Each structure stands twice: as C-alpha cells, then as structure tokens.
C-alpha cells in the first residue's frame, strides 16, 4: 500500500507558510524531507511532515 504523499501547496497550506519561507527554512536544514519525483514534482510523506511537526513542538512551560 503506497504511503500518503502531499503536494507542496498542501504542505504550505497546512503549516501556513509561504513557499519562499519554506525554501529558506529548507536551505537551513530545518524543513521536512522532500521527495523529488522524476517529473520534477515535489512531495512530502505524511509521516515525515507529522514527525517534523512533532519536532517543532515546544515543551510546556
């Protein structure tokens, strides 16, 4: 069974971030892993995005 993959615009909408900000964060190594398909399209595995969001959580004060 294939793993769910999100298109980049879906990811950007979910995390409420602009494409430019996402790529700046990616350049710093702080973005979720991307999959580049042979046709050049970008995908993010749902599991990678969820793991990344968990890493971004701040501990309770």
N, C-alpha and C. Protein backbone atom coordinates (compact mmCIF):
# COMPACT_ATOMS: atom_id res chain seq x y z
N UNK A 1 0.85 -1.19 0.00
CA UNK A 1 0.00 0.00 0.00
C UNK A 1 0.89 1.25 0.00
N UNK A 2 0.69 2.15 -0.95
CA UNK A 2 1.53 3.35 -1.01
C UNK A 2 1.29 4.27 0.19
N UNK A 3 2.35 4.91 0.62
CA UNK A 3 2.24 5.86 1.73
C UNK A 3 1.61 7.16 1.21
N UNK A 4 0.78 7.80 2.04
CA UNK A 4 0.21 9.08 1.61
C UNK A 4 1.30 10.14 1.40
N UNK A 5 1.23 10.81 0.28
CA UNK A 5 2.17 11.88 -0.02
C UNK A 5 1.39 13.15 -0.30
N UNK A 6 1.92 14.25 0.16
CA UNK A 6 1.28 15.55 -0.01
C UNK A 6 2.05 16.37 -1.04
N UNK A 7 1.31 17.13 -1.82
CA UNK A 7 1.94 18.08 -2.74
C UNK A 7 2.41 19.28 -1.92
N UNK A 8 3.42 19.96 -2.42
CA UNK A 8 3.98 21.09 -1.67
C UNK A 8 2.93 22.15 -1.33
N UNK A 9 2.02 22.53 -2.25
CA UNK A 9 1.00 23.51 -1.86
C UNK A 9 0.11 23.04 -0.71
N UNK A 10 -0.13 21.73 -0.61
CA UNK A 10 -0.91 21.20 0.50
C UNK A 10 -0.14 21.34 1.81
N UNK A 11 1.15 21.09 1.76
CA UNK A 11 2.00 21.24 2.94
C UNK A 11 2.04 22.70 3.38
N UNK A 12 2.26 23.58 2.42
CA UNK A 12 2.34 25.01 2.74
C UNK A 12 1.05 25.52 3.34
N UNK A 13 -0.08 25.05 2.83
CA UNK A 13 -1.37 25.46 3.39
C UNK A 13 -1.52 24.93 4.82
N UNK A 14 -1.15 23.69 5.04
CA UNK A 14 -1.30 23.10 6.37
C UNK A 14 -0.44 23.81 7.41
N UNK A 15 0.79 24.15 7.05
CA UNK A 15 1.67 24.79 8.03
C UNK A 15 1.59 26.32 7.95
N UNK A 16 0.76 26.82 7.05
CA UNK A 16 0.53 28.27 6.89
C UNK A 16 1.83 29.03 6.73
N UNK A 17 2.56 28.64 5.67
CA UNK A 17 3.86 29.24 5.39
C UNK A 17 3.95 29.51 3.89
N UNK A 18 4.66 30.57 3.54
CA UNK A 18 4.85 30.87 2.12
C UNK A 18 5.90 29.91 1.55
N UNK A 19 5.87 29.78 0.25
CA UNK A 19 6.85 28.93 -0.45
C UNK A 19 8.27 29.45 -0.20
N UNK A 20 8.44 30.77 -0.26
CA UNK A 20 9.77 31.36 -0.06
C UNK A 20 10.29 31.07 1.35
N UNK A 21 9.43 31.22 2.36
CA UNK A 21 9.85 30.95 3.73
C UNK A 21 10.18 29.47 3.91
N UNK A 22 9.40 28.60 3.27
CA UNK A 22 9.65 27.17 3.36
C UNK A 22 11.01 26.83 2.77
N UNK A 23 11.33 27.39 1.61
CA UNK A 23 12.62 27.09 0.99
C UNK A 23 13.79 27.70 1.74
N UNK A 24 13.59 28.84 2.40
CA UNK A 24 14.65 29.39 3.27
C UNK A 24 14.90 28.45 4.43
N UNK A 25 13.82 27.94 5.01
CA UNK A 25 13.95 27.00 6.12
C UNK A 25 14.62 25.71 5.64
N UNK A 26 14.28 25.27 4.45
CA UNK A 26 14.88 24.06 3.88
C UNK A 26 16.38 24.26 3.66
N UNK A 27 16.77 25.45 3.22
CA UNK A 27 18.19 25.75 2.98
C UNK A 27 18.99 25.67 4.29
N UNK A 28 18.32 25.95 5.41
CA UNK A 28 18.98 25.86 6.72
C UNK A 28 18.89 24.45 7.30
N UNK A 29 18.26 23.53 6.57
CA UNK A 29 18.13 22.15 7.03
C UNK A 29 17.06 21.98 8.08
N UNK A 30 16.08 22.85 8.12
CA UNK A 30 15.05 22.84 9.17
C UNK A 30 13.66 22.46 8.64
N UNK A 31 13.56 21.95 7.43
CA UNK A 31 12.26 21.61 6.83
C UNK A 31 12.09 20.09 6.79
N UNK A 32 10.85 19.63 6.61
CA UNK A 32 10.66 18.18 6.46
C UNK A 32 11.31 17.67 5.18
N UNK A 33 11.62 16.38 5.16
CA UNK A 33 12.24 15.79 3.97
C UNK A 33 11.31 15.89 2.77
N UNK A 34 11.89 16.16 1.62
CA UNK A 34 11.12 16.25 0.38
C UNK A 34 11.47 15.07 -0.51
N UNK A 35 10.52 14.70 -1.35
CA UNK A 35 10.72 13.68 -2.38
C UNK A 35 10.58 14.40 -3.71
N UNK A 36 11.60 14.30 -4.55
CA UNK A 36 11.51 14.89 -5.89
C UNK A 36 11.24 13.76 -6.87
N UNK A 37 10.09 13.81 -7.52
CA UNK A 37 9.70 12.78 -8.47
C UNK A 37 10.46 12.97 -9.79
N UNK A 38 10.53 11.94 -10.61
CA UNK A 38 11.25 12.05 -11.89
C UNK A 38 10.73 13.18 -12.78
N UNK A 39 9.45 13.53 -12.65
CA UNK A 39 8.89 14.61 -13.46
C UNK A 39 9.14 15.99 -12.85
N UNK A 40 9.89 16.04 -11.75
CA UNK A 40 10.25 17.31 -11.13
C UNK A 40 9.30 17.76 -10.03
N UNK A 41 8.17 17.10 -9.88
CA UNK A 41 7.23 17.48 -8.83
C UNK A 41 7.79 17.12 -7.46
N UNK A 42 7.36 17.88 -6.46
CA UNK A 42 7.81 17.70 -5.08
C UNK A 42 6.68 17.10 -4.26
N UNK A 43 7.04 16.16 -3.40
CA UNK A 43 6.08 15.55 -2.49
C UNK A 43 6.71 15.47 -1.10
N UNK A 44 5.83 15.43 -0.10
CA UNK A 44 6.25 15.23 1.29
C UNK A 44 5.41 14.08 1.84
N UNK A 45 6.08 13.09 2.40
CA UNK A 45 5.33 12.00 3.02
C UNK A 45 4.59 12.53 4.24
N UNK A 46 3.37 12.09 4.43
CA UNK A 46 2.56 12.49 5.58
C UNK A 46 3.32 12.18 6.87
N UNK A 47 3.95 11.01 6.93
CA UNK A 47 4.68 10.62 8.13
C UNK A 47 5.87 11.55 8.40
N UNK A 48 6.55 12.01 7.34
CA UNK A 48 7.68 12.95 7.52
C UNK A 48 7.19 14.30 8.02
N UNK A 49 6.05 14.77 7.49
CA UNK A 49 5.51 16.05 7.94
C UNK A 49 5.06 15.95 9.39
N UNK A 50 4.38 14.86 9.75
CA UNK A 50 3.93 14.70 11.13
C UNK A 50 5.12 14.64 12.09
N UNK A 51 6.18 13.91 11.71
CA UNK A 51 7.37 13.82 12.55
C UNK A 51 8.03 15.18 12.71
N UNK A 52 8.11 15.93 11.62
CA UNK A 52 8.70 17.27 11.65
C UNK A 52 7.90 18.19 12.57
N UNK A 53 6.56 18.13 12.47
CA UNK A 53 5.73 18.97 13.33
C UNK A 53 5.93 18.62 14.80
N UNK A 54 6.08 17.33 15.09
CA UNK A 54 6.33 16.90 16.47
C UNK A 54 7.66 17.47 16.97
N UNK A 55 8.68 17.46 16.10
CA UNK A 55 9.99 18.02 16.49
C UNK A 55 9.91 19.52 16.75
N UNK A 56 8.97 20.20 16.10
CA UNK A 56 8.83 21.65 16.25
C UNK A 56 8.11 22.04 17.55
N UNK A 57 7.44 21.08 18.18
CA UNK A 57 6.69 21.39 19.40
C UNK A 57 7.62 21.87 20.49
N UNK A 58 7.14 22.87 21.22
CA UNK A 58 7.87 23.41 22.35
C UNK A 58 7.40 22.70 23.61
N UNK A 59 8.32 22.37 24.52
CA UNK A 59 7.88 21.74 25.77
C UNK A 59 7.03 22.72 26.58
N UNK A 60 6.10 22.19 27.38
CA UNK A 60 5.27 23.09 28.19
C UNK A 60 6.13 23.86 29.19
N UNK A 61 5.73 25.08 29.43
CA UNK A 61 6.49 25.94 30.36
C UNK A 61 6.17 25.61 31.79
